[in-house]
Amino acid sequence: MPGASLPWPATPAAIAVVVLASAVMVLLAPVVLGRPLVCLGLAVALVVALARTPTPPGWPPRDWAVASCDVGQGDATVLAAGPGQGVVVDTGPDPALLTRCLRQLGITSVPLLVLTHLHADHAGGLAALAGAEVGLVVTSGVRTPADADARIGALLPDADRRFTEAGHAWQVGEARIEVLAAPPLNDHLVPSEGESSAENDASLLLRAEVGGVSVLLPGDAEEGAQSSHARLGSAIDVDVLLVPHHGSGRHAPSFIAATTPSVALVSVGADNDYGHPAASTLRSVAATGAQLARTDMNGAIAIGRSPKGELLVTTQR
């Protein structure tokens, strides 16, 4: 069960607490076992405690700026915009996993939601925001799959909807997010309703600045789009790169090299059927010298700046 084990420090004081608690339990056991109602109450409390997924100690860090949520095989990134407020970029595939992440981060209001594209692994968790205060929803003009496009209006009827293009930018509290590349608003380049490479390459390319941390969010862009993005120069030179398409092998090494990240994030599901992240992509990331963090191994990942200006990476596991 989720709460069946808890981390505990191995310091002398912590060990002394365990020894003392054990001694007290030995002394109280005969008294408790002689009272059936007390035993029943303790049993119920124990089951509840074991069933609740505990928040790991130290998570989230106090001064996080950007967080990559652990949402399985998908992307969901949160930018700290102010007390209780976060800009959300993509929602992952599972509403429950996004809900858990937002709750742990203390996010109750989402002034801006940006969906890089509408595939299920990026927009399937939209229902997690149905009860939240969502101000503006931004997407590209590519509105396939159609059922995903329709769900935005159905689940977030009170939110404004805007179709964006390259050059648009928003300042939300402490967070600024800019669209570096997007398909033309009148472009119907995607005839299919499936998860095609054309749809992946039509992902919004986003640059965000928050808390002194710059981050590049390329959605599921593949070789063609990445090669084009690589020509954007200093605009894609960032502190943090969310590795495109969950580390898919369909990548352009020139793009990853041009981003010169200090930290590279891979948002990916454990033991996924796609072989993500690919060894070739990980080699391209390693060539940049970036510190690598993966949600399948590390859980959710938060990044911020220390008072001395250093990037701080905190992982949930």
C-alpha atoms as a PDB file:
ATOM      1  CA  MET A   1       0.000   0.000   0.000  1.00  0.00           C
ATOM      2  CA  PRO A   2       1.215   3.549  -0.683  1.00  0.00           C
ATOM      3  CA  GLY A   3       1.904   4.430   2.941  1.00  0.00           C
ATOM      4  CA  ALA A   4       3.373   1.072   3.967  1.00  0.00           C
ATOM      5  CA  SER A   5       6.859   2.544   4.320  1.00  0.00           C
ATOM      6  CA  LEU A   6       8.137   5.939   5.337  1.00  0.00           C
ATOM      7  CA  PRO A   7      11.676   7.341   5.192  1.00  0.00           C
ATOM      8  CA  TRP A   8      13.348   7.817   8.565  1.00  0.00           C
ATOM      9  CA  PRO A   9      16.786   9.281   9.257  1.00  0.00           C
ATOM     10  CA  ALA A  10      19.501   7.082  10.757  1.00  0.00           C
ATOM     11  CA  THR A  11      20.794   9.701  13.194  1.00  0.00           C
ATOM     12  CA  PRO A  12      21.314   8.884  16.898  1.00  0.00           C
ATOM     13  CA  ALA A  13      18.352  11.079  17.865  1.00  0.00           C
ATOM     14  CA  ALA A  14      16.050   9.460  15.293  1.00  0.00           C
ATOM     15  CA  ILE A  15      17.056   5.962  16.428  1.00  0.00           C
ATOM     16  CA  ALA A  16      16.439   6.975  20.052  1.00  0.00           C
ATOM     17  CA  VAL A  17      12.912   8.069  19.105  1.00  0.00           C
ATOM     18  CA  VAL A  18      12.232   4.664  17.517  1.00  0.00           C
ATOM     19  CA  VAL A  19      13.553   2.818  20.583  1.00  0.00           C
ATOM     20  CA  LEU A  20      11.465   4.963  22.925  1.00  0.00           C
ATOM     21  CA  ALA A  21       8.321   4.546  20.804  1.00  0.00           C
ATOM     22  CA  SER A  22       8.844   0.771  20.729  1.00  0.00           C
ATOM     23  CA  ALA A  23       9.194   0.654  24.519  1.00  0.00           C
ATOM     24  CA  VAL A  24       5.981   2.653  24.967  1.00  0.00           C
ATOM     25  CA  MET A  25       4.137   0.301  22.574  1.00  0.00           C
ATOM     26  CA  VAL A  26       5.281  -2.723  24.605  1.00  0.00           C
ATOM     27  CA  LEU A  27       3.960  -1.145  27.793  1.00  0.00           C
ATOM     28  CA  LEU A  28       0.641  -0.082  26.244  1.00  0.00           C
ATOM     29  CA  ALA A  29      -0.054  -3.237  24.243  1.00  0.00           C
ATOM     30  CA  PRO A  30      -1.727  -5.240  27.087  1.00  0.00           C
ATOM     31  CA  VAL A  31      -3.971  -2.279  27.924  1.00  0.00           C
ATOM     32  CA  VAL A  32      -5.011  -1.650  24.292  1.00  0.00           C
ATOM     33  CA  LEU A  33      -5.560  -5.319  23.410  1.00  0.00           C
ATOM     34  CA  GLY A  34      -7.987  -5.638  26.291  1.00  0.00           C
ATOM     35  CA  ARG A  35     -10.295  -3.014  24.755  1.00  0.00           C
ATOM     36  CA  PRO A  36     -11.905  -4.200  21.469  1.00  0.00           C
ATOM     37  CA  LEU A  37     -13.333  -0.795  20.513  1.00  0.00           C
ATOM     38  CA  VAL A  38      -9.964   0.873  20.916  1.00  0.00           C
ATOM     39  CA  CYS A  39      -8.382  -1.852  18.762  1.00  0.00           C
ATOM     40  CA  LEU A  40     -11.033  -1.354  16.092  1.00  0.00           C
ATOM     41  CA  GLY A  41     -10.430   2.412  16.023  1.00  0.00           C
ATOM     42  CA  LEU A  42      -6.686   1.965  15.748  1.00  0.00           C
ATOM     43  CA  ALA A  43      -7.139  -0.589  12.962  1.00  0.00           C
ATOM     44  CA  VAL A  44      -9.304   1.826  10.952  1.00  0.00           C
ATOM     45  CA  ALA A  45      -6.795   4.637  11.479  1.00  0.00           C
ATOM     46  CA  LEU A  46      -3.966   2.345  10.344  1.00  0.00           C
ATOM     47  CA  VAL A  47      -5.767   1.367   7.132  1.00  0.00           C
ATOM     48  CA  VAL A  48      -6.454   5.026   6.325  1.00  0.00           C
ATOM     49  CA  ALA A  49      -2.813   5.923   6.971  1.00  0.00           C
ATOM     50  CA  LEU A  50      -1.556   3.103   4.763  1.00  0.00           C
ATOM     51  CA  ALA A  51      -3.923   3.953   1.905  1.00  0.00           C
ATOM     52  CA  ARG A  52      -2.910   7.626   1.718  1.00  0.00           C
ATOM     53  CA  THR A  53      -0.008   8.356  -0.578  1.00  0.00           C
ATOM     54  CA  PRO A  54       2.406  10.277   1.660  1.00  0.00           C
ATOM     55  CA  THR A  55       4.071  13.482   0.578  1.00  0.00           C
ATOM     56  CA  PRO A  56       7.827  12.840   0.628  1.00  0.00           C
ATOM     57  CA  PRO A  57       9.705  14.928   3.207  1.00  0.00           C
ATOM     58  CA  GLY A  58      11.134  18.078   1.652  1.00  0.00           C
ATOM     59  CA  TRP A  59       8.760  18.008  -1.312  1.00  0.00           C
ATOM     60  CA  PRO A  60       8.141  20.415  -2.837  1.00  0.00           C
ATOM     61  CA  PRO A  61      11.161  22.607  -2.107  1.00  0.00           C
ATOM     62  CA  ARG A  62      10.324  26.022  -0.722  1.00  0.00           C
ATOM     63  CA  ASP A  63      11.560  28.183  -3.599  1.00  0.00           C
ATOM     64  CA  TRP A  64      10.793  26.081  -6.670  1.00  0.00           C
ATOM     65  CA  ALA A  65      10.337  27.923  -9.958  1.00  0.00           C
ATOM     66  CA  VAL A  66       9.471  25.156 -12.417  1.00  0.00           C
ATOM     67  CA  ALA A  67       8.249  21.626 -11.756  1.00  0.00           C
ATOM     68  CA  SER A  68       7.918  18.651 -14.071  1.00  0.00           C
ATOM     69  CA  CYS A  69       5.081  16.525 -12.693  1.00  0.00           C
ATOM     70  CA  ASP A  70       5.264  12.746 -12.553  1.00  0.00           C
ATOM     71  CA  VAL A  71       2.307  11.930 -14.801  1.00  0.00           C
ATOM     72  CA  GLY A  72       3.506   8.714 -16.407  1.00  0.00           C
ATOM     73  CA  GLN A  73       3.962   8.630 -20.173  1.00  0.00           C
ATOM     74  CA  GLY A  74       3.227  12.287 -20.875  1.00  0.00           C
ATOM     75  CA  ASP A  75       4.131  15.885 -20.112  1.00  0.00           C
ATOM     76  CA  ALA A  76       2.834  18.250 -17.439  1.00  0.00           C
ATOM     77  CA  THR A  77       4.944  21.231 -16.386  1.00  0.00           C
ATOM     78  CA  VAL A  78       4.071  23.869 -13.780  1.00  0.00           C
ATOM     79  CA  LEU A  79       5.591  27.349 -13.519  1.00  0.00           C
ATOM     80  CA  ALA A  80       5.305  29.139 -10.176  1.00  0.00           C
ATOM     81  CA  ALA A  81       3.372  32.355 -10.803  1.00  0.00           C
ATOM     82  CA  GLY A  82       2.619  33.449  -7.232  1.00  0.00           C
ATOM     83  CA  PRO A  83       1.118  32.133  -3.981  1.00  0.00           C
ATOM     84  CA  GLY A  84      -1.150  29.244  -4.935  1.00  0.00           C
ATOM     85  CA  GLN A  85      -0.916  30.140  -8.633  1.00  0.00           C
ATOM     86  CA  GLY A  86       0.747  28.195 -11.412  1.00  0.00           C
ATOM     87  CA  VAL A  87       1.018  28.332 -15.175  1.00  0.00           C
ATOM     88  CA  VAL A  88       0.411  24.788 -16.433  1.00  0.00           C
ATOM     89  CA  VAL A  89       1.908  23.589 -19.718  1.00  0.00           C
ATOM     90  CA  ASP A  90       0.228  20.325 -20.785  1.00  0.00           C
ATOM     91  CA  THR A  91      -1.724  18.066 -18.457  1.00  0.00           C
ATOM     92  CA  GLY A  92      -0.340  14.568 -18.962  1.00  0.00           C
ATOM     93  CA  PRO A  93      -2.642  11.625 -19.704  1.00  0.00           C
ATOM     94  CA  ASP A  94      -4.189  11.025 -16.275  1.00  0.00           C
ATOM     95  CA  PRO A  95      -6.260  13.602 -14.328  1.00  0.00           C
ATOM     96  CA  ALA A  96      -5.563  11.865 -11.015  1.00  0.00           C
ATOM     97  CA  LEU A  97      -1.799  12.151 -11.421  1.00  0.00           C
ATOM     98  CA  LEU A  98      -2.000  15.837 -12.336  1.00  0.00           C
ATOM     99  CA  THR A  99      -4.363  16.490  -9.422  1.00  0.00           C
ATOM    100  CA  ARG A 100      -1.874  14.895  -7.036  1.00  0.00           C
ATOM    101  CA  CYS A 101       1.003  16.971  -8.409  1.00  0.00           C
ATOM    102  CA  LEU A 102      -0.883  20.272  -8.218  1.00  0.00           C
ATOM    103  CA  ARG A 103      -2.047  19.506  -4.694  1.00  0.00           C
ATOM    104  CA  GLN A 104       1.495  18.742  -3.541  1.00  0.00           C
ATOM    105  CA  LEU A 105       2.764  21.951  -5.161  1.00  0.00           C
ATOM    106  CA  GLY A 106      -0.014  23.941  -3.448  1.00  0.00           C
ATOM    107  CA  ILE A 107      -1.525  25.130  -6.745  1.00  0.00           C
ATOM    108  CA  THR A 108      -5.192  26.121  -6.461  1.00  0.00           C
ATOM    109  CA  SER A 109      -5.445  28.608  -9.337  1.00  0.00           C
ATOM    110  CA  VAL A 110      -4.264  28.296 -12.957  1.00  0.00           C
ATOM    111  CA  PRO A 111      -4.351  31.734 -14.614  1.00  0.00           C
ATOM    112  CA  LEU A 112      -2.878  30.281 -17.819  1.00  0.00           C
ATOM    113  CA  LEU A 113      -3.025  26.787 -19.313  1.00  0.00           C
ATOM    114  CA  VAL A 114      -1.002  26.133 -22.471  1.00  0.00           C
ATOM    115  CA  LEU A 115      -1.382  22.909 -24.444  1.00  0.00           C
ATOM    116  CA  THR A 116       1.514  22.327 -26.817  1.00  0.00           C
ATOM    117  CA  HIS A 117      -0.740  19.994 -28.836  1.00  0.00           C
ATOM    118  CA  LEU A 118      -3.836  17.894 -28.207  1.00  0.00           C
ATOM    119  CA  HIS A 119      -2.552  14.326 -28.071  1.00  0.00           C
ATOM    120  CA  ALA A 120      -3.795  12.352 -25.062  1.00  0.00           C
ATOM    121  CA  ASP A 121      -0.390  12.252 -23.357  1.00  0.00           C
ATOM    122  CA  HIS A 122      -0.406  16.061 -23.238  1.00  0.00           C
ATOM    123  CA  ALA A 123      -4.116  16.905 -22.894  1.00  0.00           C
ATOM    124  CA  GLY A 124      -5.700  13.745 -21.477  1.00  0.00           C
ATOM    125  CA  GLY A 125      -5.473  14.996 -17.885  1.00  0.00           C
ATOM    126  CA  LEU A 126      -7.544  18.105 -18.601  1.00  0.00           C
ATOM    127  CA  ALA A 127     -10.319  16.990 -16.248  1.00  0.00           C
ATOM    128  CA  ALA A 128      -7.981  17.655 -13.301  1.00  0.00           C
ATOM    129  CA  LEU A 129      -8.495  21.381 -13.931  1.00  0.00           C
ATOM    130  CA  ALA A 130     -12.285  21.239 -14.278  1.00  0.00           C
ATOM    131  CA  GLY A 131     -12.800  22.461 -10.722  1.00  0.00           C
ATOM    132  CA  ALA A 132      -9.853  24.861 -10.657  1.00  0.00           C
ATOM    133  CA  GLU A 133      -9.794  28.551 -11.468  1.00  0.00           C
ATOM    134  CA  VAL A 134      -8.512  28.473 -15.061  1.00  0.00           C
ATOM    135  CA  GLY A 135      -8.356  31.912 -16.659  1.00  0.00           C
ATOM    136  CA  LEU A 136      -7.013  31.411 -20.189  1.00  0.00           C
ATOM    137  CA  VAL A 137      -6.434  28.328 -22.335  1.00  0.00           C
ATOM    138  CA  VAL A 138      -3.894  28.695 -25.157  1.00  0.00           C
ATOM    139  CA  THR A 139      -3.462  26.214 -28.004  1.00  0.00           C
ATOM    140  CA  SER A 140      -2.225  26.242 -31.573  1.00  0.00           C
ATOM    141  CA  GLY A 141      -4.626  26.440 -34.489  1.00  0.00           C
ATOM    142  CA  VAL A 142      -4.246  22.691 -35.123  1.00  0.00           C
ATOM    143  CA  ARG A 143      -7.404  21.309 -33.546  1.00  0.00           C
ATOM    144  CA  THR A 144      -6.966  17.573 -33.935  1.00  0.00           C
ATOM    145  CA  PRO A 145      -7.822  15.147 -32.507  1.00  0.00           C
ATOM    146  CA  ALA A 146     -11.293  16.736 -32.664  1.00  0.00           C
ATOM    147  CA  ASP A 147     -12.587  15.018 -29.529  1.00  0.00           C
ATOM    148  CA  ALA A 148      -9.707  16.489 -27.501  1.00  0.00           C
ATOM    149  CA  ASP A 149     -10.454  19.940 -28.921  1.00  0.00           C
ATOM    150  CA  ALA A 150     -14.128  19.611 -27.938  1.00  0.00           C
ATOM    151  CA  ARG A 151     -13.221  18.541 -24.383  1.00  0.00           C
ATOM    152  CA  ILE A 152     -11.545  21.879 -23.697  1.00  0.00           C
ATOM    153  CA  GLY A 153     -14.827  23.754 -24.001  1.00  0.00           C
ATOM    154  CA  ALA A 154     -16.782  21.033 -22.222  1.00  0.00           C
ATOM    155  CA  LEU A 155     -14.475  20.780 -19.202  1.00  0.00           C
ATOM    156  CA  LEU A 156     -13.445  24.452 -18.945  1.00  0.00           C
ATOM    157  CA  PRO A 157     -16.520  26.377 -20.098  1.00  0.00           C
ATOM    158  CA  ASP A 158     -15.646  29.528 -18.137  1.00  0.00           C
ATOM    159  CA  ALA A 159     -12.071  29.819 -19.401  1.00  0.00           C
ATOM    160  CA  ASP A 160     -11.160  32.044 -22.332  1.00  0.00           C
ATOM    161  CA  ARG A 161      -9.702  30.207 -25.342  1.00  0.00           C
ATOM    162  CA  ARG A 162      -7.013  31.676 -27.557  1.00  0.00           C
ATOM    163  CA  PHE A 163      -5.287  30.268 -30.615  1.00  0.00           C
ATOM    164  CA  THR A 164      -1.708  31.419 -30.695  1.00  0.00           C
ATOM    165  CA  GLU A 165       1.155  31.872 -33.115  1.00  0.00           C
ATOM    166  CA  ALA A 166       4.862  32.642 -32.890  1.00  0.00           C
ATOM    167  CA  GLY A 167       5.636  35.897 -31.094  1.00  0.00           C
ATOM    168  CA  HIS A 168       2.760  35.823 -28.615  1.00  0.00           C
ATOM    169  CA  ALA A 169       3.764  36.122 -24.962  1.00  0.00           C
ATOM    170  CA  TRP A 170       2.098  36.366 -21.550  1.00  0.00           C
ATOM    171  CA  GLN A 171       3.274  37.619 -18.171  1.00  0.00           C
ATOM    172  CA  VAL A 172       1.473  35.851 -15.337  1.00  0.00           C
ATOM    173  CA  GLY A 173       2.710  37.003 -11.959  1.00  0.00           C
ATOM    174  CA  GLU A 174       6.349  35.964 -11.740  1.00  0.00           C
ATOM    175  CA  ALA A 175       6.216  33.791 -14.854  1.00  0.00           C
ATOM    176  CA  ARG A 176       6.658  34.879 -18.472  1.00  0.00           C
ATOM    177  CA  ILE A 177       5.956  32.481 -21.310  1.00  0.00           C
ATOM    178  CA  GLU A 178       6.584  33.114 -24.999  1.00  0.00           C
ATOM    179  CA  VAL A 179       5.663  31.171 -28.133  1.00  0.00           C
ATOM    180  CA  LEU A 180       8.830  30.792 -30.215  1.00  0.00           C
ATOM    181  CA  ALA A 181       7.303  28.621 -32.943  1.00  0.00           C
ATOM    182  CA  ALA A 182       3.786  27.545 -33.890  1.00  0.00           C
ATOM    183  CA  PRO A 183       1.959  26.383 -37.013  1.00  0.00           C
ATOM    184  CA  PRO A 184       0.085  29.142 -38.896  1.00  0.00           C
ATOM    185  CA  LEU A 185      -3.401  29.703 -37.495  1.00  0.00           C
ATOM    186  CA  ASN A 186      -5.026  28.798 -40.796  1.00  0.00           C
ATOM    187  CA  ASP A 187      -2.858  25.728 -41.360  1.00  0.00           C
ATOM    188  CA  HIS A 188      -4.833  22.508 -41.771  1.00  0.00           C
ATOM    189  CA  LEU A 189      -1.708  20.423 -42.128  1.00  0.00           C
ATOM    190  CA  VAL A 190      -3.061  17.497 -40.160  1.00  0.00           C
ATOM    191  CA  PRO A 191      -5.710  15.503 -41.991  1.00  0.00           C
ATOM    192  CA  SER A 192      -5.681  12.550 -39.610  1.00  0.00           C
ATOM    193  CA  GLU A 193      -7.278  12.006 -36.226  1.00  0.00           C
ATOM    194  CA  GLY A 194      -4.376   9.893 -34.982  1.00  0.00           C
ATOM    195  CA  GLU A 195      -1.073  10.711 -33.313  1.00  0.00           C
ATOM    196  CA  SER A 196       0.853  11.539 -36.474  1.00  0.00           C
ATOM    197  CA  SER A 197       4.345  12.954 -36.849  1.00  0.00           C
ATOM    198  CA  ALA A 198       2.753  16.005 -38.461  1.00  0.00           C
ATOM    199  CA  GLU A 199       0.784  16.658 -35.298  1.00  0.00           C
ATOM    200  CA  ASN A 200       3.893  16.153 -33.177  1.00  0.00           C
ATOM    201  CA  ASP A 201       5.875  18.596 -35.323  1.00  0.00           C
ATOM    202  CA  ALA A 202       3.023  21.105 -34.985  1.00  0.00           C
ATOM    203  CA  SER A 203       3.645  21.305 -31.213  1.00  0.00           C
ATOM    204  CA  LEU A 204       4.105  24.781 -29.813  1.00  0.00           C
ATOM    205  CA  LEU A 205       7.702  25.644 -28.944  1.00  0.00           C
ATOM    206  CA  LEU A 206       7.621  27.608 -25.686  1.00  0.00           C
ATOM    207  CA  ARG A 207      10.248  29.505 -23.715  1.00  0.00           C
ATOM    208  CA  ALA A 208       9.459  30.386 -20.115  1.00  0.00           C
ATOM    209  CA  GLU A 209      11.252  32.585 -17.602  1.00  0.00           C
ATOM    210  CA  VAL A 210      10.421  32.281 -13.902  1.00  0.00           C
ATOM    211  CA  GLY A 211      12.406  32.853 -10.724  1.00  0.00           C
ATOM    212  CA  GLY A 212      15.616  33.444 -12.655  1.00  0.00           C
ATOM    213  CA  VAL A 213      15.261  30.093 -14.479  1.00  0.00           C
ATOM    214  CA  SER A 214      14.753  29.811 -18.240  1.00  0.00           C
ATOM    215  CA  VAL A 215      13.124  26.672 -19.610  1.00  0.00           C
ATOM    216  CA  LEU A 216      12.381  25.409 -23.117  1.00  0.00           C
ATOM    217  CA  LEU A 217       9.218  23.361 -23.681  1.00  0.00           C
ATOM    218  CA  PRO A 218       9.086  21.811 -27.187  1.00  0.00           C
ATOM    219  CA  GLY A 219       6.160  19.391 -26.800  1.00  0.00           C
ATOM    220  CA  ASP A 220       6.530  16.329 -29.028  1.00  0.00           C
ATOM    221  CA  ALA A 221       8.528  17.977 -31.818  1.00  0.00           C
ATOM    222  CA  GLU A 222      10.425  15.428 -33.925  1.00  0.00           C
ATOM    223  CA  GLU A 223      13.432  15.710 -36.274  1.00  0.00           C
ATOM    224  CA  GLY A 224      11.876  18.053 -38.821  1.00  0.00           C
ATOM    225  CA  ALA A 225      10.592  20.619 -36.352  1.00  0.00           C
ATOM    226  CA  GLN A 226      13.646  20.331 -34.126  1.00  0.00           C
ATOM    227  CA  SER A 227      15.983  21.002 -37.049  1.00  0.00           C
ATOM    228  CA  SER A 228      14.001  24.151 -37.790  1.00  0.00           C
ATOM    229  CA  HIS A 229      13.999  25.182 -34.128  1.00  0.00           C
ATOM    230  CA  ALA A 230      17.784  24.773 -33.966  1.00  0.00           C
ATOM    231  CA  ARG A 231      18.109  27.854 -36.177  1.00  0.00           C
ATOM    232  CA  LEU A 232      16.466  30.131 -33.589  1.00  0.00           C
ATOM    233  CA  GLY A 233      19.824  30.902 -31.994  1.00  0.00           C
ATOM    234  CA  SER A 234      19.941  32.488 -28.548  1.00  0.00           C
ATOM    235  CA  ALA A 235      16.171  32.213 -28.121  1.00  0.00           C
ATOM    236  CA  ILE A 236      16.564  28.503 -27.375  1.00  0.00           C
ATOM    237  CA  ASP A 237      19.664  28.896 -25.190  1.00  0.00           C
ATOM    238  CA  VAL A 238      18.196  28.030 -21.776  1.00  0.00           C
ATOM    239  CA  ASP A 239      18.958  26.745 -18.287  1.00  0.00           C
ATOM    240  CA  VAL A 240      16.482  23.871 -18.472  1.00  0.00           C
ATOM    241  CA  LEU A 241      15.400  21.755 -21.435  1.00  0.00           C
ATOM    242  CA  LEU A 242      12.357  19.511 -21.359  1.00  0.00           C
ATOM    243  CA  VAL A 243      13.646  16.857 -23.759  1.00  0.00           C
ATOM    244  CA  PRO A 244      11.243  16.664 -26.719  1.00  0.00           C
ATOM    245  CA  HIS A 245       8.786  13.811 -27.138  1.00  0.00           C
ATOM    246  CA  HIS A 246       9.716  12.091 -23.867  1.00  0.00           C
ATOM    247  CA  GLY A 247      13.198  11.337 -25.179  1.00  0.00           C
ATOM    248  CA  SER A 248      12.081   9.720 -28.431  1.00  0.00           C
ATOM    249  CA  GLY A 249      14.850   8.633 -30.789  1.00  0.00           C
ATOM    250  CA  ARG A 250      13.294  10.858 -33.461  1.00  0.00           C
ATOM    251  CA  HIS A 251      15.429  13.832 -32.544  1.00  0.00           C
ATOM    252  CA  ALA A 252      17.862  16.300 -34.079  1.00  0.00           C
ATOM    253  CA  PRO A 253      21.157  16.400 -32.139  1.00  0.00           C
ATOM    254  CA  SER A 254      21.735  19.941 -33.448  1.00  0.00           C
ATOM    255  CA  PHE A 255      18.629  21.145 -31.598  1.00  0.00           C
ATOM    256  CA  ILE A 256      19.605  19.646 -28.254  1.00  0.00           C
ATOM    257  CA  ALA A 257      23.153  20.983 -28.642  1.00  0.00           C
ATOM    258  CA  ALA A 258      21.852  24.486 -29.445  1.00  0.00           C
ATOM    259  CA  THR A 259      19.837  24.676 -26.217  1.00  0.00           C
ATOM    260  CA  THR A 260      23.010  24.309 -24.057  1.00  0.00           C
ATOM    261  CA  PRO A 261      21.009  23.331 -20.955  1.00  0.00           C
ATOM    262  CA  SER A 262      22.400  22.960 -17.467  1.00  0.00           C
ATOM    263  CA  VAL A 263      19.537  20.605 -16.623  1.00  0.00           C
ATOM    264  CA  ALA A 264      17.654  18.281 -18.967  1.00  0.00           C
ATOM    265  CA  LEU A 265      14.294  16.838 -17.923  1.00  0.00           C
ATOM    266  CA  VAL A 266      12.726  13.726 -19.419  1.00  0.00           C
ATOM    267  CA  SER A 267       9.024  13.344 -18.629  1.00  0.00           C
ATOM    268  CA  VAL A 268       8.384   9.673 -19.301  1.00  0.00           C
ATOM    269  CA  GLY A 269       6.488   6.665 -17.991  1.00  0.00           C
ATOM    270  CA  ALA A 270       8.308   3.738 -16.421  1.00  0.00           C
ATOM    271  CA  ASP A 271       8.575   0.650 -18.655  1.00  0.00           C
ATOM    272  CA  ASN A 272       6.670   2.375 -21.470  1.00  0.00           C
ATOM    273  CA  ASP A 273       6.001   0.566 -24.747  1.00  0.00           C
ATOM    274  CA  TYR A 274       7.791   3.173 -26.890  1.00  0.00           C
ATOM    275  CA  GLY A 275      11.327   2.615 -25.633  1.00  0.00           C
ATOM    276  CA  HIS A 276      11.504   6.193 -24.349  1.00  0.00           C
ATOM    277  CA  PRO A 277      13.960   7.643 -23.664  1.00  0.00           C
ATOM    278  CA  ALA A 278      16.068   6.350 -26.538  1.00  0.00           C
ATOM    279  CA  ALA A 279      19.763   5.705 -25.956  1.00  0.00           C
ATOM    280  CA  SER A 280      20.676   7.934 -28.902  1.00  0.00           C
ATOM    281  CA  THR A 281      18.758  10.859 -27.416  1.00  0.00           C
ATOM    282  CA  LEU A 282      20.332  10.361 -24.013  1.00  0.00           C
ATOM    283  CA  ARG A 283      23.752  10.460 -25.679  1.00  0.00           C
ATOM    284  CA  SER A 284      22.866  13.790 -27.324  1.00  0.00           C
ATOM    285  CA  VAL A 285      21.777  15.141 -23.941  1.00  0.00           C
ATOM    286  CA  ALA A 286      24.937  13.854 -22.253  1.00  0.00           C
ATOM    287  CA  ALA A 287      27.045  15.622 -24.868  1.00  0.00           C
ATOM    288  CA  THR A 288      25.747  18.972 -23.606  1.00  0.00           C
ATOM    289  CA  GLY A 289      27.020  18.241 -20.094  1.00  0.00           C
ATOM    290  CA  ALA A 290      23.532  18.789 -18.652  1.00  0.00           C
ATOM    291  CA  GLN A 291      22.406  17.161 -15.440  1.00  0.00           C
ATOM    292  CA  LEU A 292      19.716  14.632 -16.372  1.00  0.00           C
ATOM    293  CA  ALA A 293      16.561  13.993 -14.350  1.00  0.00           C
ATOM    294  CA  ARG A 294      13.779  11.590 -15.345  1.00  0.00           C
ATOM    295  CA  THR A 295      10.289  11.339 -13.920  1.00  0.00           C
ATOM    296  CA  ASP A 296      10.245   7.547 -14.317  1.00  0.00           C
ATOM    297  CA  MET A 297      13.264   7.275 -12.009  1.00  0.00           C
ATOM    298  CA  ASN A 298      13.078  10.434  -9.902  1.00  0.00           C
ATOM    299  CA  GLY A 299       9.359  11.163  -9.660  1.00  0.00           C
ATOM    300  CA  ALA A 300       8.385  14.811  -9.946  1.00  0.00           C
ATOM    301  CA  ILE A 301      11.272  17.244 -10.417  1.00  0.00           C
ATOM    302  CA  ALA A 302      11.499  20.849  -9.218  1.00  0.00           C
ATOM    303  CA  ILE A 303      14.091  23.458 -10.157  1.00  0.00           C
ATOM    304  CA  GLY A 304      14.846  26.833  -8.633  1.00  0.00           C
ATOM    305  CA  ARG A 305      17.652  29.287  -7.942  1.00  0.00           C
ATOM    306  CA  SER A 306      19.606  29.422  -4.706  1.00  0.00           C
ATOM    307  CA  PRO A 307      20.379  32.802  -3.091  1.00  0.00           C
ATOM    308  CA  LYS A 308      23.865  32.411  -4.588  1.00  0.00           C
ATOM    309  CA  GLY A 309      22.407  32.005  -8.078  1.00  0.00           C
ATOM    310  CA  GLU A 310      22.988  28.259  -8.415  1.00  0.00           C
ATOM    311  CA  LEU A 311      20.401  26.009 -10.048  1.00  0.00           C
ATOM    312  CA  LEU A 312      18.874  23.691  -7.460  1.00  0.00           C
ATOM    313  CA  VAL A 313      17.297  20.440  -8.630  1.00  0.00           C
ATOM    314  CA  THR A 314      15.036  18.624  -6.155  1.00  0.00           C
ATOM    315  CA  THR A 315      13.552  15.261  -7.020  1.00  0.00           C
ATOM    316  CA  GLN A 316      10.598  13.624  -5.344  1.00  0.00           C
ATOM    317  CA  ARG A 317      12.313  10.238  -5.145  1.00  0.00           C
END
